[in-house]
């Protein structure tokens, strides 16, 4: 498949760490012969209308833009522009065609997945899920190149459910909105990089009242692979998307890249090993905990959802680590009940 990191991790006895060559990413065979603009335009992106019944947003989300027909599509296009303008040697990475785009059998839900790589980040994946007013999702995860050591990954998860016109004269839209932006640690230890990243994200969080919430433990153990400075919001009015979420999103991308630039690259075997071990642990943890699998199993079938989770979302996960994470989660749930 296209899971080149997993191939590298397994190409030598003992998995991670047997040879520095295993960490020197050669992605040529996984890159596609398209420009970034051509890759982005696949499957009609950015979409101009929903596949299902839909209430358009009432205001633009970013200054200098028009009102988008899809709630989080401006976040997709804003991120693509940021990647093209700010990263070095950005190139598209192959995604299996069945994963790249999928519609459900009823024809009222669809998903698109893109993946990019640069000199700074070895994997940046983007997902947009459109099911009309029932559900809109934009999700992205940025994995720093292993030469940047223990640097946290940048996680972005924006969701909207049950959208409908609000009962007021302002033309607003209401619903259930969940927003998560985090610099997610890949190791348990708290070092200077983690403290600095927490302070950077904390300064963004402090400026937006609607994004100062606390995540529940329903799906995740927030003490693992989440920061105390997480930008987190649960809202019922869409107004915050333009006034607080959009600027927090832009600032978070900028802050994470600036954080990366403060870290001297280290291509030593020990540094690369340490980074990949942390990213693999993050993927194994997330592959078990992420509620997306249940949603997409119902919408697109269990076989597709398994492939999506383990071969695209969290492709560094491995069977042994996943089994351990499943046991930990079951133990926690028994304890909680």
Protein backbone atom coordinates (compact mmCIF):
# COMPACT_ATOMS: atom_id res chain seq x y z
CA UNK A 1 0.00 0.00 0.00
CA UNK A 2 1.10 3.60 0.53
CA UNK A 3 2.17 3.14 4.17
CA UNK A 4 5.84 3.87 3.57
CA UNK A 5 6.60 4.63 7.22
CA UNK A 6 5.36 1.18 8.26
CA UNK A 7 7.56 -0.42 5.60
CA UNK A 8 10.58 1.44 6.93
CA UNK A 9 9.85 0.43 10.49
CA UNK A 10 9.69 -3.23 9.51
CA UNK A 11 12.47 -3.44 6.98
CA UNK A 12 15.07 -4.48 9.54
CA UNK A 13 15.02 -7.03 12.39
CA UNK A 14 13.75 -5.50 15.61
CA UNK A 15 11.68 -2.82 13.83
CA UNK A 16 12.71 0.65 14.88
CA UNK A 17 16.34 1.34 15.47
CA UNK A 18 18.39 -1.34 13.74
CA UNK A 19 19.70 0.94 11.04
CA UNK A 20 19.79 4.69 10.50
CA UNK A 21 18.97 3.99 6.87
CA UNK A 22 15.50 2.91 7.97
CA UNK A 23 14.74 6.46 9.05
CA UNK A 24 16.04 8.36 6.04
CA UNK A 25 12.81 8.87 4.20
CA UNK A 26 12.93 8.16 0.50
CA UNK A 27 9.38 8.94 -0.58
CA UNK A 28 9.99 9.09 -4.33
CA UNK A 29 8.02 5.91 -4.98
CA UNK A 30 5.10 7.27 -2.94
CA UNK A 31 4.95 10.67 -4.57
CA UNK A 32 2.63 11.21 -7.52
CA UNK A 33 3.39 13.01 -10.74
CA UNK A 34 1.03 15.89 -10.02
CA UNK A 35 1.59 19.41 -8.80
CA UNK A 36 0.07 20.35 -5.45
CA UNK A 37 -2.62 22.32 -7.27
CA UNK A 38 -3.45 19.35 -9.51
CA UNK A 39 -3.54 17.01 -6.52
CA UNK A 40 -5.84 19.34 -4.59
CA UNK A 41 -8.26 19.57 -7.52
CA UNK A 42 -8.81 15.82 -7.60
CA UNK A 43 -12.40 14.77 -6.82
CA UNK A 44 -13.55 18.32 -7.49
CA UNK A 45 -11.87 19.87 -4.46
CA UNK A 46 -12.53 22.32 -3.00
CA UNK A 47 -16.21 21.38 -3.17
CA UNK A 48 -18.65 24.16 -3.98
CA UNK A 49 -21.81 22.53 -2.68
CA UNK A 50 -22.85 19.75 -0.32
CA UNK A 51 -23.84 16.26 -1.40
CA UNK A 52 -26.93 16.44 0.84
CA UNK A 53 -29.47 18.87 2.27
CA UNK A 54 -27.50 21.79 3.64
CA UNK A 55 -27.81 25.24 5.26
CA UNK A 56 -25.03 27.56 3.98
CA UNK A 57 -23.03 29.55 6.56
CA UNK A 58 -24.18 33.12 7.07
CA UNK A 59 -20.78 34.89 7.06
CA UNK A 60 -17.26 34.44 5.63
CA UNK A 61 -14.84 32.71 7.99
CA UNK A 62 -11.60 34.35 6.87
CA UNK A 63 -11.03 38.00 6.01
CA UNK A 64 -10.95 38.77 2.32
CA UNK A 65 -12.99 35.68 1.38
CA UNK A 66 -16.59 35.16 0.34
CA UNK A 67 -19.10 32.98 2.17
CA UNK A 68 -18.19 29.33 1.60
CA UNK A 69 -20.95 26.88 0.67
CA UNK A 70 -19.46 24.28 3.06
CA UNK A 71 -18.75 25.09 6.69
CA UNK A 72 -15.13 23.94 7.05
CA UNK A 73 -14.03 24.07 3.40
CA UNK A 74 -12.34 27.46 3.97
CA UNK A 75 -10.14 25.75 6.59
CA UNK A 76 -9.11 23.16 3.97
CA UNK A 77 -8.22 25.84 1.40
CA UNK A 78 -6.53 28.06 4.01
CA UNK A 79 -4.34 25.14 5.10
CA UNK A 80 -3.43 24.18 1.52
CA UNK A 81 -2.35 27.75 0.83
CA UNK A 82 -0.30 27.79 4.02
CA UNK A 83 1.44 24.55 3.04
CA UNK A 84 2.22 25.82 -0.45
CA UNK A 85 3.49 29.20 0.74
CA UNK A 86 5.36 28.28 3.91
CA UNK A 87 6.78 24.77 3.55
CA UNK A 88 9.84 23.63 1.60
CA UNK A 89 9.59 21.12 -1.26
CA UNK A 90 5.91 20.36 -0.72
CA UNK A 91 4.75 17.36 -2.74
CA UNK A 92 1.64 15.16 -2.88
CA UNK A 93 1.88 11.60 -1.56
CA UNK A 94 -0.04 8.66 -2.96
CA UNK A 95 -3.27 7.65 -1.30
CA UNK A 96 -5.04 4.46 -2.30
CA UNK A 97 -7.85 5.40 -4.69
CA UNK A 98 -10.52 3.70 -2.60
CA UNK A 99 -9.40 5.71 0.42
CA UNK A 100 -8.87 8.95 -1.48
CA UNK A 101 -12.61 9.34 -2.17
CA UNK A 102 -15.67 7.44 -1.01
CA UNK A 103 -19.44 7.90 -1.12
CA UNK A 104 -21.95 5.89 0.89
CA UNK A 105 -24.52 3.71 -0.84
CA UNK A 106 -27.35 6.19 -0.19
CA UNK A 107 -25.43 8.97 -1.93
CA UNK A 108 -25.86 11.46 0.92
CA UNK A 109 -22.37 11.31 2.48
CA UNK A 110 -18.85 11.47 1.06
CA UNK A 111 -15.25 11.70 2.24
CA UNK A 112 -12.05 12.91 0.58
CA UNK A 113 -8.51 12.32 1.85
CA UNK A 114 -5.27 13.96 0.70
CA UNK A 115 -1.70 13.54 1.89
CA UNK A 116 1.38 15.74 1.45
CA UNK A 117 5.02 15.70 2.50
CA UNK A 118 7.66 18.42 2.84
CA UNK A 119 11.16 18.86 4.18
CA UNK A 120 9.66 19.93 7.53
CA UNK A 121 6.83 17.37 7.86
CA UNK A 122 7.06 13.83 6.52
CA UNK A 123 3.27 13.45 6.52
CA UNK A 124 0.43 15.96 6.48
CA UNK A 125 -2.94 14.36 5.95
CA UNK A 126 -6.23 16.15 5.34
CA UNK A 127 -9.77 14.77 5.50
CA UNK A 128 -13.09 16.40 4.63
CA UNK A 129 -16.35 14.59 5.40
CA UNK A 130 -19.59 16.00 4.00
CA UNK A 131 -23.00 14.68 5.01
CA UNK A 132 -24.96 17.90 4.66
CA UNK A 133 -26.44 19.43 7.79
CA UNK A 134 -26.14 16.09 9.57
CA UNK A 135 -22.35 16.28 9.78
CA UNK A 136 -19.41 18.35 8.48
CA UNK A 137 -15.85 17.42 9.45
CA UNK A 138 -12.40 18.79 8.70
CA UNK A 139 -9.51 16.80 10.16
CA UNK A 140 -5.76 17.17 9.69
CA UNK A 141 -2.62 15.82 11.32
CA UNK A 142 0.93 17.06 10.77
CA UNK A 143 3.82 14.71 11.61
CA UNK A 144 7.18 16.52 11.88
CA UNK A 145 10.09 14.90 10.08
CA UNK A 146 11.86 12.53 12.50
CA UNK A 147 14.98 14.71 12.40
CA UNK A 148 13.10 17.14 14.68
CA UNK A 149 13.13 14.69 17.57
CA UNK A 150 10.39 14.89 20.18
CA UNK A 151 8.44 17.69 18.52
CA UNK A 152 4.68 17.26 19.08
CA UNK A 153 2.37 16.52 16.17
CA UNK A 154 -0.18 19.14 15.18
CA UNK A 155 -3.70 17.76 15.41
CA UNK A 156 -6.79 19.56 14.05
CA UNK A 157 -10.32 18.19 14.37
CA UNK A 158 -13.34 20.38 13.54
CA UNK A 159 -16.83 18.85 13.62
CA UNK A 160 -20.39 20.10 13.23
CA UNK A 161 -23.55 18.06 13.77
CA UNK A 162 -27.28 18.72 13.31
CA UNK A 163 -26.92 22.15 11.71
CA UNK A 164 -30.12 24.20 11.24
CA UNK A 165 -31.17 27.85 10.91
CA UNK A 166 -31.23 29.50 14.32
CA UNK A 167 -34.49 30.86 15.71
CA UNK A 168 -33.49 34.50 15.47
CA UNK A 169 -33.54 37.37 12.99
CA UNK A 170 -29.76 37.43 12.42
CA UNK A 171 -29.63 34.64 9.90
CA UNK A 172 -27.36 32.61 12.18
CA UNK A 173 -26.98 28.83 12.10
CA UNK A 174 -27.03 26.62 15.17
CA UNK A 175 -26.06 23.02 15.87
CA UNK A 176 -23.51 21.07 17.87
CA UNK A 177 -19.91 22.09 17.23
CA UNK A 178 -16.74 20.44 18.52
CA UNK A 179 -13.32 21.98 17.85
CA UNK A 180 -9.93 20.57 18.82
CA UNK A 181 -6.51 21.98 17.93
CA UNK A 182 -3.55 20.61 19.84
CA UNK A 183 0.22 20.24 19.83
CA UNK A 184 0.06 16.59 20.81
CA UNK A 185 3.09 15.16 22.67
CA UNK A 186 4.51 11.89 21.34
CA UNK A 187 6.45 11.02 24.52
CA UNK A 188 5.53 10.93 28.20
CA UNK A 189 8.49 13.04 29.28
CA UNK A 190 8.06 16.80 29.65
CA UNK A 191 11.14 18.52 28.26
CA UNK A 192 11.91 22.09 27.16
CA UNK A 193 10.32 21.56 23.73
CA UNK A 194 7.07 20.31 25.28
CA UNK A 195 7.01 23.16 27.81
CA UNK A 196 7.63 25.70 25.05
CA UNK A 197 4.96 24.18 22.80
CA UNK A 198 2.45 24.23 25.69
CA UNK A 199 3.20 27.90 26.29
CA UNK A 200 2.82 28.76 22.58
CA UNK A 201 -0.54 27.04 22.24
CA UNK A 202 -1.65 28.31 25.64
CA UNK A 203 -1.17 31.90 24.49
CA UNK A 204 -3.53 31.22 21.57
CA UNK A 205 -6.10 29.44 23.73
CA UNK A 206 -6.12 32.34 26.20
CA UNK A 207 -7.35 34.77 23.53
CA UNK A 208 -10.54 32.88 22.61
CA UNK A 209 -13.12 32.34 25.32
CA UNK A 210 -15.14 29.77 23.37
CA UNK A 211 -12.02 27.59 22.90
CA UNK A 212 -11.00 27.19 26.54
CA UNK A 213 -12.97 24.02 27.29
CA UNK A 214 -11.77 20.69 28.66
CA UNK A 215 -12.01 17.39 26.83
CA UNK A 216 -13.94 14.58 28.46
CA UNK A 217 -12.52 11.08 29.00
CA UNK A 218 -15.29 9.41 27.01
CA UNK A 219 -12.98 8.34 24.18
CA UNK A 220 -9.52 9.47 25.18
CA UNK A 221 -7.31 9.48 28.22
CA UNK A 222 -6.40 13.17 28.02
CA UNK A 223 -3.28 12.57 30.12
CA UNK A 224 -1.73 10.70 27.17
CA UNK A 225 -0.86 12.34 23.84
CA UNK A 226 -2.78 15.53 24.62
CA UNK A 227 -1.45 18.82 25.95
CA UNK A 228 -2.84 20.89 28.85
CA UNK A 229 -3.02 23.86 26.44
CA UNK A 230 -5.42 22.23 23.98
CA UNK A 231 -7.62 24.64 22.06
CA UNK A 232 -10.99 23.01 22.72
CA UNK A 233 -14.52 24.24 22.20
CA UNK A 234 -18.07 22.93 22.37
CA UNK A 235 -20.60 25.41 21.01
CA UNK A 236 -24.19 25.51 19.81
CA UNK A 237 -24.03 28.68 17.69
CA UNK A 238 -21.98 28.86 14.49
CA UNK A 239 -20.91 32.47 15.04
CA UNK A 240 -17.72 31.43 16.86
CA UNK A 241 -16.36 29.74 13.72
CA UNK A 242 -15.56 33.09 12.08
CA UNK A 243 -14.81 35.16 15.19
CA UNK A 244 -12.64 32.74 17.19
CA UNK A 245 -12.02 29.37 15.53
CA UNK A 246 -10.71 30.72 12.21
CA UNK A 247 -8.07 33.03 13.75
CA UNK A 248 -7.05 30.38 16.30
CA UNK A 249 -6.61 27.89 13.47
CA UNK A 250 -4.37 30.24 11.46
CA UNK A 251 -2.28 31.14 14.49
CA UNK A 252 -1.86 27.47 15.46
CA UNK A 253 -0.46 26.51 12.07
CA UNK A 254 1.96 29.42 12.21
CA UNK A 255 2.99 28.66 15.79
CA UNK A 256 3.68 24.98 15.13
CA UNK A 257 5.86 25.75 12.12
CA UNK A 258 7.73 28.42 14.11
CA UNK A 259 8.22 25.88 16.91
CA UNK A 260 9.68 23.39 14.44
CA UNK A 261 12.11 26.01 13.17
CA UNK A 262 13.54 26.47 16.67
CA UNK A 263 14.63 22.81 16.79
CA UNK A 264 18.04 22.01 15.25
CA UNK A 265 17.59 19.04 12.89
CA UNK A 266 19.31 15.88 14.09
CA UNK A 267 19.74 13.00 11.62
CA UNK A 268 21.50 10.72 14.09
CA UNK A 269 20.13 7.21 14.44
CA UNK A 270 19.16 7.72 18.10
CA UNK A 271 17.20 10.91 17.36
CA UNK A 272 15.35 9.43 14.39
CA UNK A 273 14.57 6.27 16.34
CA UNK A 274 13.24 8.23 19.31
CA UNK A 275 11.00 10.36 17.14
CA UNK A 276 9.56 7.47 15.15
CA UNK A 277 8.96 5.43 18.30
CA UNK A 278 6.94 8.33 19.70
CA UNK A 279 4.95 8.84 16.53
CA UNK A 280 4.27 5.10 16.29
CA UNK A 281 3.07 5.05 19.91
CA UNK A 282 0.78 8.00 19.13
CA UNK A 283 -0.68 6.19 16.11
CA UNK A 284 -1.30 2.96 18.01
CA UNK A 285 -3.01 4.87 20.82
CA UNK A 286 -5.15 6.91 18.43
CA UNK A 287 -6.12 3.99 16.20
CA UNK A 288 -7.85 2.38 19.17
CA UNK A 289 -9.37 5.51 20.69
CA UNK A 290 -10.50 7.54 17.69
CA UNK A 291 -14.33 7.45 17.39
CA UNK A 292 -14.06 7.98 13.61
CA UNK A 293 -13.89 4.23 13.03
CA UNK A 294 -17.39 3.66 14.42
CA UNK A 295 -18.83 6.53 12.35
CA UNK A 296 -17.23 5.39 9.12
CA UNK A 297 -17.95 1.69 9.71
CA UNK A 298 -21.62 2.60 9.79
CA UNK A 299 -21.37 4.89 6.77
CA UNK A 300 -18.93 3.06 4.47
CA UNK A 301 -18.63 -0.47 5.88
CA UNK A 302 -16.31 -2.04 8.45
CA UNK A 303 -13.74 -3.30 5.94
CA UNK A 304 -13.29 0.17 4.45
CA UNK A 305 -13.16 1.78 7.92
CA UNK A 306 -10.43 -0.64 9.08
CA UNK A 307 -8.32 0.15 6.05
CA UNK A 308 -8.94 3.86 6.49
CA UNK A 309 -7.88 3.86 10.15
CA UNK A 310 -4.86 1.57 9.96
CA UNK A 311 -3.52 2.35 6.48
CA UNK A 312 -4.21 6.07 6.26
CA UNK A 313 -5.07 7.81 9.51
CA UNK A 314 -2.66 5.95 11.79
CA UNK A 315 -0.43 3.88 9.55
CA UNK A 316 2.45 3.66 12.03
CA UNK A 317 0.30 1.59 14.38
CA UNK A 318 1.23 -2.08 14.75
CA UNK A 319 -0.77 -5.10 15.87
CA UNK A 320 1.06 -5.73 19.13
CA UNK A 321 0.81 -2.11 20.29
CA UNK A 322 -2.83 -1.92 19.22
CA UNK A 323 -3.65 -5.01 21.31
CA UNK A 324 -1.96 -3.43 24.33
CA UNK A 325 -3.89 -0.19 23.83
CA UNK A 326 -7.16 -2.13 23.54
CA UNK A 327 -6.42 -3.89 26.83
CA UNK A 328 -5.62 -0.57 28.54
CA UNK A 329 -8.84 0.99 27.29
CA UNK A 330 -10.97 -1.97 28.39
CA UNK A 331 -9.37 -1.87 31.83
CA UNK A 332 -10.06 1.85 32.16
CA UNK A 333 -13.70 1.41 31.16
CA UNK A 334 -14.22 -1.41 33.68
CA UNK A 335 -12.68 0.78 36.36
CA UNK A 336 -14.85 3.77 35.42
CA UNK A 337 -18.01 1.67 35.66
